[in-house]
Amino acid sequence: MSNHLKQLLNWFRNVAVVEGISMVVLVTFSILKRTTDYEWATLGVKYVGWAHGILFIAYCYLLWMCTDRYKWKFSRVVLFFIASLIPFAPFFVERKVKQEA
């Protein structure tokens, strides 16, 4: 596998992990916002939400790039996309891609 292709997979794996972390943090802030009167929880939802949105877009873009370059099956792409919507699931995506690389 060429260095360029390995680099693309590494980017996808890294973004999957950071996107997964941002989702867990966002869910935590959302729960705190609804269950407490902490002003910082509201700010956390706002700023972590923005960061998570950008990371989600990066994840989807890199998923598309990997699909194109590696000719991933449609079912795999759908599974990886659905994983981006579920807390903690991007960590399993990262692990699976790492094992195959």
N, C-alpha and C. Protein backbone atom coordinates (compact mmCIF):
# COMPACT_ATOMS: atom_id res chain seq x y z
N MET A 1 0.85 -1.17 0.00
CA MET A 1 0.00 0.00 0.00
C MET A 1 0.90 1.24 0.00
N SER A 2 0.58 2.18 -0.84
CA SER A 2 1.42 3.37 -0.95
C SER A 2 1.30 4.24 0.30
N ASN A 3 2.27 5.10 0.47
CA ASN A 3 2.30 5.98 1.63
C ASN A 3 1.10 6.93 1.63
N HIS A 4 0.71 7.39 0.44
CA HIS A 4 -0.43 8.30 0.33
C HIS A 4 -1.73 7.62 0.82
N LEU A 5 -1.90 6.35 0.45
CA LEU A 5 -3.11 5.63 0.86
C LEU A 5 -3.10 5.35 2.37
N LYS A 6 -1.93 5.04 2.92
CA LYS A 6 -1.83 4.84 4.37
C LYS A 6 -2.15 6.14 5.11
N GLN A 7 -1.69 7.25 4.55
CA GLN A 7 -1.94 8.54 5.17
C GLN A 7 -3.44 8.85 5.19
N LEU A 8 -4.13 8.53 4.12
CA LEU A 8 -5.58 8.75 4.06
C LEU A 8 -6.29 7.92 5.14
N LEU A 9 -5.90 6.66 5.28
CA LEU A 9 -6.50 5.82 6.32
C LEU A 9 -6.19 6.36 7.71
N ASN A 10 -4.97 6.83 7.92
CA ASN A 10 -4.62 7.40 9.22
C ASN A 10 -5.45 8.64 9.53
N TRP A 11 -5.67 9.49 8.54
CA TRP A 11 -6.52 10.66 8.73
C TRP A 11 -7.94 10.23 9.10
N PHE A 12 -8.46 9.25 8.38
CA PHE A 12 -9.81 8.78 8.67
C PHE A 12 -9.90 8.21 10.09
N ARG A 13 -8.93 7.40 10.46
CA ARG A 13 -8.92 6.82 11.81
C ARG A 13 -8.85 7.90 12.88
N ASN A 14 -7.97 8.86 12.69
CA ASN A 14 -7.81 9.93 13.69
C ASN A 14 -9.06 10.78 13.80
N VAL A 15 -9.65 11.12 12.68
CA VAL A 15 -10.88 11.93 12.72
C VAL A 15 -12.01 11.12 13.35
N ALA A 16 -12.06 9.82 13.10
CA ALA A 16 -13.10 8.98 13.71
C ALA A 16 -12.99 9.03 15.23
N VAL A 17 -11.78 8.95 15.75
CA VAL A 17 -11.59 8.98 17.21
C VAL A 17 -11.99 10.35 17.77
N VAL A 18 -11.51 11.42 17.17
CA VAL A 18 -11.81 12.75 17.68
C VAL A 18 -13.30 13.06 17.54
N GLU A 19 -13.90 12.63 16.44
CA GLU A 19 -15.34 12.83 16.25
C GLU A 19 -16.12 12.04 17.31
N GLY A 20 -15.67 10.84 17.60
CA GLY A 20 -16.32 10.03 18.64
C GLY A 20 -16.22 10.69 20.01
N ILE A 21 -15.05 11.24 20.33
CA ILE A 21 -14.87 11.94 21.60
C ILE A 21 -15.78 13.16 21.65
N SER A 22 -15.82 13.92 20.56
CA SER A 22 -16.65 15.12 20.56
C SER A 22 -18.12 14.78 20.74
N MET A 23 -18.56 13.65 20.20
CA MET A 23 -19.96 13.26 20.37
C MET A 23 -20.25 12.91 21.83
N VAL A 24 -19.35 12.18 22.47
CA VAL A 24 -19.55 11.81 23.87
C VAL A 24 -19.58 13.07 24.74
N VAL A 25 -18.67 14.00 24.48
CA VAL A 25 -18.63 15.25 25.24
C VAL A 25 -19.90 16.06 24.99
N LEU A 26 -20.34 16.12 23.75
CA LEU A 26 -21.56 16.86 23.42
C LEU A 26 -22.78 16.26 24.11
N VAL A 27 -22.90 14.95 24.11
CA VAL A 27 -24.02 14.30 24.79
C VAL A 27 -23.97 14.60 26.29
N THR A 28 -22.76 14.56 26.85
CA THR A 28 -22.61 14.85 28.28
C THR A 28 -23.04 16.29 28.59
N PHE A 29 -22.58 17.25 27.79
CA PHE A 29 -22.99 18.64 27.99
C PHE A 29 -24.50 18.80 27.79
N SER A 30 -25.07 18.10 26.84
CA SER A 30 -26.51 18.20 26.60
C SER A 30 -27.30 17.70 27.81
N ILE A 31 -26.85 16.61 28.39
CA ILE A 31 -27.51 16.08 29.59
C ILE A 31 -27.38 17.06 30.74
N LEU A 32 -26.18 17.62 30.92
CA LEU A 32 -25.97 18.59 32.00
C LEU A 32 -26.81 19.84 31.79
N LYS A 33 -26.93 20.27 30.55
CA LYS A 33 -27.72 21.46 30.24
C LYS A 33 -29.18 21.27 30.63
N ARG A 34 -29.70 20.08 30.40
CA ARG A 34 -31.11 19.82 30.67
C ARG A 34 -31.39 19.48 32.13
N THR A 35 -30.36 19.04 32.86
CA THR A 35 -30.59 18.59 34.23
C THR A 35 -30.03 19.51 35.29
N THR A 36 -29.28 20.53 34.89
CA THR A 36 -28.69 21.46 35.86
C THR A 36 -28.91 22.89 35.40
N ASP A 37 -28.50 23.81 36.24
CA ASP A 37 -28.58 25.24 35.90
C ASP A 37 -27.20 25.80 35.58
N TYR A 38 -26.25 24.94 35.25
CA TYR A 38 -24.89 25.39 34.98
C TYR A 38 -24.84 26.14 33.64
N GLU A 39 -24.40 27.40 33.71
CA GLU A 39 -24.28 28.20 32.48
C GLU A 39 -23.22 27.62 31.56
N TRP A 40 -22.15 27.06 32.12
CA TRP A 40 -21.08 26.51 31.30
C TRP A 40 -21.54 25.30 30.50
N ALA A 41 -22.58 24.62 30.95
CA ALA A 41 -23.11 23.50 30.17
C ALA A 41 -23.74 24.00 28.88
N THR A 42 -24.43 25.14 28.97
CA THR A 42 -25.02 25.73 27.77
C THR A 42 -23.93 26.15 26.79
N LEU A 43 -22.89 26.78 27.31
CA LEU A 43 -21.76 27.17 26.46
C LEU A 43 -21.06 25.95 25.87
N GLY A 44 -20.97 24.89 26.67
CA GLY A 44 -20.35 23.65 26.19
C GLY A 44 -21.11 23.06 25.02
N VAL A 45 -22.43 23.07 25.12
CA VAL A 45 -23.25 22.56 24.01
C VAL A 45 -23.00 23.39 22.76
N LYS A 46 -22.93 24.70 22.94
CA LYS A 46 -22.74 25.58 21.79
C LYS A 46 -21.40 25.33 21.10
N TYR A 47 -20.33 25.40 21.87
CA TYR A 47 -18.99 25.31 21.26
C TYR A 47 -18.59 23.89 20.88
N VAL A 48 -18.91 22.94 21.73
CA VAL A 48 -18.61 21.55 21.38
C VAL A 48 -19.50 21.12 20.22
N GLY A 49 -20.72 21.64 20.17
CA GLY A 49 -21.61 21.34 19.05
C GLY A 49 -21.04 21.81 17.72
N TRP A 50 -20.48 23.02 17.71
CA TRP A 50 -19.83 23.53 16.50
C TRP A 50 -18.65 22.65 16.10
N ALA A 51 -17.82 22.33 17.08
CA ALA A 51 -16.64 21.49 16.79
C ALA A 51 -17.07 20.12 16.29
N HIS A 52 -18.07 19.57 16.94
CA HIS A 52 -18.57 18.25 16.52
C HIS A 52 -19.12 18.29 15.10
N GLY A 53 -19.82 19.36 14.76
CA GLY A 53 -20.36 19.50 13.40
C GLY A 53 -19.25 19.52 12.36
N ILE A 54 -18.21 20.25 12.63
CA ILE A 54 -17.06 20.31 11.71
C ILE A 54 -16.39 18.95 11.60
N LEU A 55 -16.22 18.29 12.74
CA LEU A 55 -15.61 16.95 12.73
C LEU A 55 -16.49 15.93 12.01
N PHE A 56 -17.80 16.06 12.15
CA PHE A 56 -18.72 15.16 11.46
C PHE A 56 -18.59 15.33 9.94
N ILE A 57 -18.50 16.58 9.50
CA ILE A 57 -18.32 16.84 8.07
C ILE A 57 -16.99 16.26 7.59
N ALA A 58 -15.93 16.44 8.38
CA ALA A 58 -14.62 15.88 8.02
C ALA A 58 -14.69 14.35 7.95
N TYR A 59 -15.38 13.74 8.91
CA TYR A 59 -15.54 12.28 8.94
C TYR A 59 -16.24 11.81 7.66
N CYS A 60 -17.34 12.47 7.32
CA CYS A 60 -18.09 12.08 6.11
C CYS A 60 -17.26 12.27 4.85
N TYR A 61 -16.52 13.36 4.78
CA TYR A 61 -15.66 13.61 3.62
C TYR A 61 -14.57 12.54 3.50
N LEU A 62 -13.93 12.23 4.62
CA LEU A 62 -12.88 11.21 4.58
C LEU A 62 -13.45 9.82 4.31
N LEU A 63 -14.65 9.55 4.80
CA LEU A 63 -15.31 8.29 4.49
C LEU A 63 -15.54 8.19 2.99
N TRP A 64 -16.00 9.27 2.39
CA TRP A 64 -16.20 9.31 0.94
C TRP A 64 -14.88 9.11 0.19
N MET A 65 -13.82 9.78 0.65
CA MET A 65 -12.50 9.64 0.01
C MET A 65 -12.00 8.20 0.11
N CYS A 66 -12.13 7.60 1.28
CA CYS A 66 -11.69 6.21 1.46
C CYS A 66 -12.53 5.26 0.60
N THR A 67 -13.83 5.53 0.50
CA THR A 67 -14.70 4.71 -0.33
C THR A 67 -14.23 4.74 -1.78
N ASP A 68 -13.88 5.92 -2.24
CA ASP A 68 -13.41 6.08 -3.62
C ASP A 68 -12.05 5.41 -3.83
N ARG A 69 -11.13 5.63 -2.93
CA ARG A 69 -9.77 5.11 -3.10
C ARG A 69 -9.65 3.61 -2.86
N TYR A 70 -10.36 3.11 -1.87
CA TYR A 70 -10.25 1.69 -1.49
C TYR A 70 -11.36 0.82 -2.06
N LYS A 71 -12.31 1.43 -2.75
CA LYS A 71 -13.44 0.71 -3.35
C LYS A 71 -14.20 -0.09 -2.28
N TRP A 72 -14.47 0.58 -1.16
CA TRP A 72 -15.22 -0.07 -0.09
C TRP A 72 -16.63 -0.38 -0.56
N LYS A 73 -17.18 -1.47 -0.04
CA LYS A 73 -18.54 -1.87 -0.39
C LYS A 73 -19.55 -0.90 0.21
N PHE A 74 -20.69 -0.81 -0.46
CA PHE A 74 -21.75 0.09 -0.03
C PHE A 74 -22.19 -0.22 1.40
N SER A 75 -22.30 -1.50 1.73
CA SER A 75 -22.75 -1.88 3.07
C SER A 75 -21.76 -1.40 4.14
N ARG A 76 -20.49 -1.44 3.83
CA ARG A 76 -19.47 -0.97 4.77
C ARG A 76 -19.59 0.54 4.98
N VAL A 77 -19.80 1.26 3.89
CA VAL A 77 -19.93 2.71 3.97
C VAL A 77 -21.15 3.09 4.79
N VAL A 78 -22.26 2.41 4.56
CA VAL A 78 -23.48 2.68 5.32
C VAL A 78 -23.24 2.38 6.80
N LEU A 79 -22.60 1.27 7.10
CA LEU A 79 -22.31 0.91 8.49
C LEU A 79 -21.42 1.95 9.16
N PHE A 80 -20.38 2.40 8.46
CA PHE A 80 -19.47 3.41 9.01
C PHE A 80 -20.19 4.75 9.18
N PHE A 81 -21.10 5.07 8.25
CA PHE A 81 -21.85 6.32 8.39
C PHE A 81 -22.78 6.24 9.60
N ILE A 82 -23.51 5.14 9.75
CA ILE A 82 -24.41 4.98 10.90
C ILE A 82 -23.61 5.02 12.20
N ALA A 83 -22.41 4.47 12.17
CA ALA A 83 -21.56 4.49 13.36
C ALA A 83 -21.23 5.92 13.78
N SER A 84 -21.16 6.83 12.82
CA SER A 84 -20.85 8.21 13.15
C SER A 84 -21.99 8.89 13.90
N LEU A 85 -23.16 8.29 13.90
CA LEU A 85 -24.33 8.87 14.55
C LEU A 85 -24.57 8.31 15.95
N ILE A 86 -23.81 7.30 16.34
CA ILE A 86 -24.02 6.60 17.61
C ILE A 86 -22.82 6.86 18.52
N PRO A 87 -23.06 7.34 19.76
CA PRO A 87 -21.93 7.55 20.68
C PRO A 87 -21.11 6.27 20.87
N PHE A 88 -19.83 6.42 20.90
CA PHE A 88 -18.82 5.36 21.08
C PHE A 88 -18.61 4.49 19.85
N ALA A 89 -19.50 4.48 18.89
CA ALA A 89 -19.35 3.63 17.70
C ALA A 89 -18.16 4.03 16.83
N PRO A 90 -17.80 5.31 16.70
CA PRO A 90 -16.63 5.65 15.88
C PRO A 90 -15.34 5.01 16.39
N PHE A 91 -15.27 4.69 17.68
CA PHE A 91 -14.08 4.03 18.21
C PHE A 91 -13.94 2.62 17.62
N PHE A 92 -15.06 1.96 17.39
CA PHE A 92 -15.03 0.63 16.78
C PHE A 92 -14.66 0.71 15.30
N VAL A 93 -15.10 1.78 14.63
CA VAL A 93 -14.71 2.00 13.25
C VAL A 93 -13.20 2.15 13.16
N GLU A 94 -12.65 2.99 14.06
CA GLU A 94 -11.20 3.20 14.06
C GLU A 94 -10.46 1.89 14.28
N ARG A 95 -10.92 1.10 15.21
CA ARG A 95 -10.26 -0.18 15.51
C ARG A 95 -10.32 -1.13 14.30
N LYS A 96 -11.47 -1.19 13.65
CA LYS A 96 -11.63 -2.08 12.50
C LYS A 96 -10.72 -1.65 11.35
N VAL A 97 -10.67 -0.35 11.08
CA VAL A 97 -9.80 0.14 10.00
C VAL A 97 -8.33 -0.10 10.35
N LYS A 98 -7.97 0.08 11.63
CA LYS A 98 -6.59 -0.14 12.05
C LYS A 98 -6.19 -1.61 11.87
N GLN A 99 -7.09 -2.52 12.20
CA GLN A 99 -6.80 -3.95 12.05
C GLN A 99 -6.59 -4.34 10.60
N GLU A 100 -7.32 -3.69 9.71
CA GLU A 100 -7.23 -4.04 8.29
C GLU A 100 -6.06 -3.37 7.58
N ALA A 101 -5.54 -2.31 8.17
CA ALA A 101 -4.46 -1.54 7.51
C ALA A 101 -3.13 -2.26 7.55
